[in-house]
N, C-alpha and C. Protein backbone atom coordinates (compact mmCIF):
# COMPACT_ATOMS: atom_id res chain seq x y z
N UNK A 1 0.85 -1.17 0.00
CA UNK A 1 0.00 0.00 0.00
C UNK A 1 0.89 1.23 0.00
N UNK A 2 0.59 2.17 -0.86
CA UNK A 2 1.32 3.43 -0.84
C UNK A 2 0.88 4.23 0.37
N UNK A 3 1.79 5.04 0.87
CA UNK A 3 1.46 5.86 2.02
C UNK A 3 0.37 6.86 1.63
N UNK A 4 -0.52 7.20 2.60
CA UNK A 4 -1.53 8.22 2.29
C UNK A 4 -0.85 9.51 1.84
N UNK A 5 -1.55 10.31 1.09
CA UNK A 5 -0.96 11.54 0.60
C UNK A 5 -0.87 12.60 1.69
N UNK A 6 -1.55 12.39 2.82
CA UNK A 6 -1.51 13.35 3.91
C UNK A 6 -1.74 12.60 5.23
N UNK A 7 -0.89 12.83 6.21
CA UNK A 7 -1.09 12.26 7.53
C UNK A 7 -0.98 13.36 8.57
N UNK A 8 -1.58 13.13 9.72
CA UNK A 8 -1.52 14.12 10.79
C UNK A 8 -2.25 13.61 12.01
N UNK A 9 -2.45 14.50 12.97
CA UNK A 9 -3.15 14.15 14.19
C UNK A 9 -4.35 15.09 14.35
N UNK A 10 -5.47 14.53 14.81
CA UNK A 10 -6.67 15.30 15.09
C UNK A 10 -7.19 14.84 16.44
N UNK A 11 -7.29 15.75 17.39
CA UNK A 11 -7.72 15.41 18.76
C UNK A 11 -6.91 14.25 19.32
N UNK A 12 -5.60 14.24 19.03
CA UNK A 12 -4.72 13.21 19.56
C UNK A 12 -4.76 11.89 18.82
N UNK A 13 -5.49 11.82 17.72
CA UNK A 13 -5.61 10.57 16.96
C UNK A 13 -4.89 10.75 15.63
N UNK A 14 -4.05 9.78 15.27
CA UNK A 14 -3.36 9.84 13.99
C UNK A 14 -4.34 9.51 12.87
N UNK A 15 -4.35 10.34 11.82
CA UNK A 15 -5.24 10.11 10.69
C UNK A 15 -4.44 10.19 9.39
N UNK A 16 -4.97 9.60 8.35
CA UNK A 16 -4.35 9.67 7.03
C UNK A 16 -5.42 9.77 5.97
N UNK A 17 -5.11 10.46 4.90
CA UNK A 17 -6.02 10.62 3.78
C UNK A 17 -5.25 10.31 2.51
N UNK A 18 -5.86 9.59 1.59
CA UNK A 18 -5.16 9.28 0.36
C UNK A 18 -6.09 8.93 -0.78
N UNK A 19 -5.54 8.83 -1.95
CA UNK A 19 -6.25 8.38 -3.14
C UNK A 19 -5.77 6.97 -3.43
N UNK A 20 -6.71 6.06 -3.66
CA UNK A 20 -6.35 4.66 -3.81
C UNK A 20 -6.94 4.10 -5.09
N UNK A 21 -6.43 2.95 -5.54
CA UNK A 21 -6.92 2.34 -6.79
C UNK A 21 -8.41 2.01 -6.73
N UNK A 22 -9.00 1.88 -7.89
CA UNK A 22 -10.43 1.59 -8.02
C UNK A 22 -10.64 0.09 -8.14
N UNK A 23 -11.72 -0.41 -7.56
CA UNK A 23 -12.11 -1.80 -7.73
C UNK A 23 -12.08 -2.56 -6.42
N UNK A 24 -12.92 -3.59 -6.35
CA UNK A 24 -13.03 -4.38 -5.13
C UNK A 24 -11.72 -5.08 -4.74
N UNK A 25 -10.99 -5.71 -5.67
CA UNK A 25 -9.74 -6.35 -5.26
C UNK A 25 -8.73 -5.35 -4.68
N UNK A 26 -8.62 -4.18 -5.30
CA UNK A 26 -7.69 -3.16 -4.79
C UNK A 26 -8.15 -2.66 -3.42
N UNK A 27 -9.44 -2.43 -3.26
CA UNK A 27 -9.97 -1.96 -1.98
C UNK A 27 -9.72 -3.00 -0.89
N UNK A 28 -9.94 -4.26 -1.19
CA UNK A 28 -9.72 -5.33 -0.21
C UNK A 28 -8.26 -5.38 0.21
N UNK A 29 -7.35 -5.29 -0.73
CA UNK A 29 -5.92 -5.33 -0.41
C UNK A 29 -5.53 -4.16 0.49
N UNK A 30 -6.00 -2.96 0.17
CA UNK A 30 -5.67 -1.79 0.97
C UNK A 30 -6.32 -1.86 2.35
N UNK A 31 -7.57 -2.29 2.42
CA UNK A 31 -8.24 -2.42 3.71
C UNK A 31 -7.55 -3.45 4.59
N UNK A 32 -7.17 -4.59 4.03
CA UNK A 32 -6.50 -5.61 4.82
C UNK A 32 -5.19 -5.08 5.40
N UNK A 33 -4.43 -4.34 4.59
CA UNK A 33 -3.16 -3.81 5.08
C UNK A 33 -3.40 -2.72 6.13
N UNK A 34 -4.37 -1.85 5.90
CA UNK A 34 -4.66 -0.79 6.87
C UNK A 34 -5.09 -1.39 8.21
N UNK A 35 -5.93 -2.41 8.18
CA UNK A 35 -6.38 -3.07 9.41
C UNK A 35 -5.21 -3.76 10.10
N UNK A 36 -4.36 -4.42 9.32
CA UNK A 36 -3.18 -5.08 9.90
C UNK A 36 -2.23 -4.07 10.54
N UNK A 37 -2.23 -2.84 10.02
CA UNK A 37 -1.38 -1.77 10.57
C UNK A 37 -2.03 -1.07 11.76
N UNK A 38 -3.25 -1.45 12.11
CA UNK A 38 -3.89 -0.90 13.30
C UNK A 38 -5.06 0.03 13.06
N UNK A 39 -5.50 0.20 11.82
CA UNK A 39 -6.64 1.09 11.57
C UNK A 39 -7.87 0.57 12.30
N UNK A 40 -8.55 1.45 13.02
CA UNK A 40 -9.75 1.08 13.78
C UNK A 40 -11.02 1.57 13.10
N UNK A 41 -10.93 2.62 12.30
CA UNK A 41 -12.09 3.15 11.60
C UNK A 41 -11.65 3.58 10.21
N UNK A 42 -12.42 3.17 9.21
CA UNK A 42 -12.12 3.52 7.83
C UNK A 42 -13.38 4.13 7.22
N UNK A 43 -13.24 5.30 6.63
CA UNK A 43 -14.36 5.97 5.99
C UNK A 43 -13.99 6.13 4.52
N UNK A 44 -14.87 5.68 3.64
CA UNK A 44 -14.63 5.77 2.21
C UNK A 44 -15.58 6.79 1.62
N UNK A 45 -15.06 7.68 0.83
CA UNK A 45 -15.87 8.67 0.12
C UNK A 45 -15.56 8.49 -1.35
N UNK A 46 -16.57 8.34 -2.17
CA UNK A 46 -16.32 8.11 -3.59
C UNK A 46 -17.41 8.67 -4.47
N UNK A 47 -17.26 8.39 -5.73
CA UNK A 47 -18.22 8.83 -6.74
C UNK A 47 -18.89 7.62 -7.35
N UNK A 48 -20.13 7.80 -7.81
CA UNK A 48 -20.84 6.70 -8.45
C UNK A 48 -21.89 7.28 -9.38
N UNK A 49 -22.26 6.50 -10.35
CA UNK A 49 -23.36 6.88 -11.23
C UNK A 49 -24.67 6.40 -10.64
N UNK A 50 -25.77 6.90 -11.15
CA UNK A 50 -27.07 6.47 -10.67
C UNK A 50 -28.06 6.40 -11.82
N UNK A 51 -28.98 5.46 -11.73
CA UNK A 51 -29.98 5.28 -12.77
C UNK A 51 -31.36 5.80 -12.37
N UNK A 52 -31.53 6.15 -11.10
CA UNK A 52 -32.83 6.60 -10.64
C UNK A 52 -33.09 8.02 -11.14
N UNK A 53 -34.27 8.23 -11.68
CA UNK A 53 -34.62 9.52 -12.27
C UNK A 53 -34.70 10.65 -11.24
N UNK A 54 -34.95 10.31 -9.97
CA UNK A 54 -35.07 11.36 -8.96
C UNK A 54 -33.71 11.90 -8.52
N UNK A 55 -32.62 11.24 -8.89
CA UNK A 55 -31.29 11.73 -8.54
C UNK A 55 -30.84 12.81 -9.50
N UNK A 56 -30.19 13.82 -8.96
CA UNK A 56 -29.63 14.90 -9.77
C UNK A 56 -28.12 14.92 -9.59
N UNK A 57 -27.37 15.45 -10.55
CA UNK A 57 -25.93 15.56 -10.38
C UNK A 57 -25.61 16.31 -9.08
N UNK A 58 -24.62 15.82 -8.36
CA UNK A 58 -24.14 16.38 -7.09
C UNK A 58 -25.01 16.00 -5.89
N UNK A 59 -26.05 15.18 -6.07
CA UNK A 59 -26.79 14.67 -4.91
C UNK A 59 -25.85 13.84 -4.05
N UNK A 60 -26.06 13.89 -2.74
CA UNK A 60 -25.27 13.08 -1.81
C UNK A 60 -26.12 11.90 -1.39
N UNK A 61 -25.56 10.72 -1.50
CA UNK A 61 -26.25 9.48 -1.16
C UNK A 61 -25.50 8.80 -0.03
N UNK A 62 -26.19 8.34 1.00
CA UNK A 62 -25.59 7.56 2.07
C UNK A 62 -26.01 6.12 1.85
N UNK A 63 -25.05 5.25 1.64
CA UNK A 63 -25.33 3.84 1.35
C UNK A 63 -25.65 3.12 2.65
N UNK A 64 -26.78 2.43 2.67
CA UNK A 64 -27.20 1.68 3.85
C UNK A 64 -26.99 0.18 3.69
N UNK A 65 -27.00 -0.30 2.45
CA UNK A 65 -26.71 -1.70 2.19
C UNK A 65 -26.16 -1.84 0.78
N UNK A 66 -25.51 -2.95 0.53
CA UNK A 66 -24.87 -3.15 -0.77
C UNK A 66 -25.38 -4.42 -1.42
N UNK A 67 -25.51 -4.38 -2.73
CA UNK A 67 -25.80 -5.56 -3.53
C UNK A 67 -24.45 -6.06 -4.02
N UNK A 68 -24.10 -7.27 -3.66
CA UNK A 68 -22.80 -7.81 -4.04
C UNK A 68 -22.94 -8.47 -5.41
N UNK A 69 -22.24 -7.92 -6.39
CA UNK A 69 -22.31 -8.50 -7.73
C UNK A 69 -20.92 -8.60 -8.37
N UNK A 70 -19.90 -8.68 -7.53
CA UNK A 70 -18.55 -8.87 -8.02
C UNK A 70 -18.00 -10.14 -7.37
N UNK A 71 -16.77 -10.43 -7.49
CA UNK A 71 -16.24 -11.68 -6.95
C UNK A 71 -15.50 -11.58 -5.64
N UNK A 72 -14.96 -10.40 -5.34
CA UNK A 72 -14.09 -10.28 -4.16
C UNK A 72 -14.83 -10.51 -2.85
N UNK A 73 -16.02 -9.94 -2.68
CA UNK A 73 -16.71 -10.02 -1.39
C UNK A 73 -17.05 -11.46 -1.00
N UNK A 74 -17.15 -12.35 -1.95
CA UNK A 74 -17.49 -13.74 -1.65
C UNK A 74 -16.33 -14.48 -1.00
N UNK A 75 -15.16 -13.88 -0.97
CA UNK A 75 -14.03 -14.45 -0.24
C UNK A 75 -14.12 -14.12 1.25
N UNK A 76 -14.99 -13.17 1.61
CA UNK A 76 -15.11 -12.72 3.00
C UNK A 76 -16.41 -13.15 3.65
N UNK A 77 -17.50 -13.22 2.87
CA UNK A 77 -18.81 -13.59 3.40
C UNK A 77 -19.48 -14.56 2.44
N UNK A 78 -20.30 -15.50 2.97
CA UNK A 78 -21.02 -16.42 2.08
C UNK A 78 -22.05 -15.67 1.23
N UNK A 79 -22.48 -16.24 0.10
CA UNK A 79 -23.38 -15.57 -0.84
C UNK A 79 -24.69 -15.05 -0.22
N UNK A 80 -25.29 -15.73 0.73
CA UNK A 80 -26.59 -15.32 1.25
C UNK A 80 -26.56 -14.21 2.29
N UNK A 81 -25.39 -13.75 2.70
CA UNK A 81 -25.29 -12.75 3.75
C UNK A 81 -25.57 -11.35 3.20
N UNK A 82 -26.51 -10.65 3.84
CA UNK A 82 -26.86 -9.28 3.46
C UNK A 82 -25.79 -8.34 4.02
N UNK A 83 -25.34 -7.39 3.22
CA UNK A 83 -24.30 -6.46 3.65
C UNK A 83 -24.93 -5.10 3.93
N UNK A 84 -24.89 -4.70 5.20
CA UNK A 84 -25.47 -3.43 5.62
C UNK A 84 -24.41 -2.59 6.33
N UNK A 85 -24.59 -1.27 6.29
CA UNK A 85 -23.65 -0.40 7.00
C UNK A 85 -23.95 -0.45 8.50
N UNK A 86 -22.92 -0.16 9.28
CA UNK A 86 -23.09 -0.17 10.73
C UNK A 86 -23.52 1.21 11.22
């Protein structure tokens, strides 16, 4: 994993911010390394397209659950498990 592009401390907690590769396999590799290095909380902010007519450009969406339709997540959870945010 490349080092984050910015690191520092906020309220006594070390934080890092960076740009990382796109895709589930890349995300899994980076998350595994960050967790192994001691990361306790990870927040991902990204961009996505939408097909719903009620969405407008620049709308902010908070994801509450995910539909798994790639291959990487099946290495972590069985197919029938629903993935929801905490």
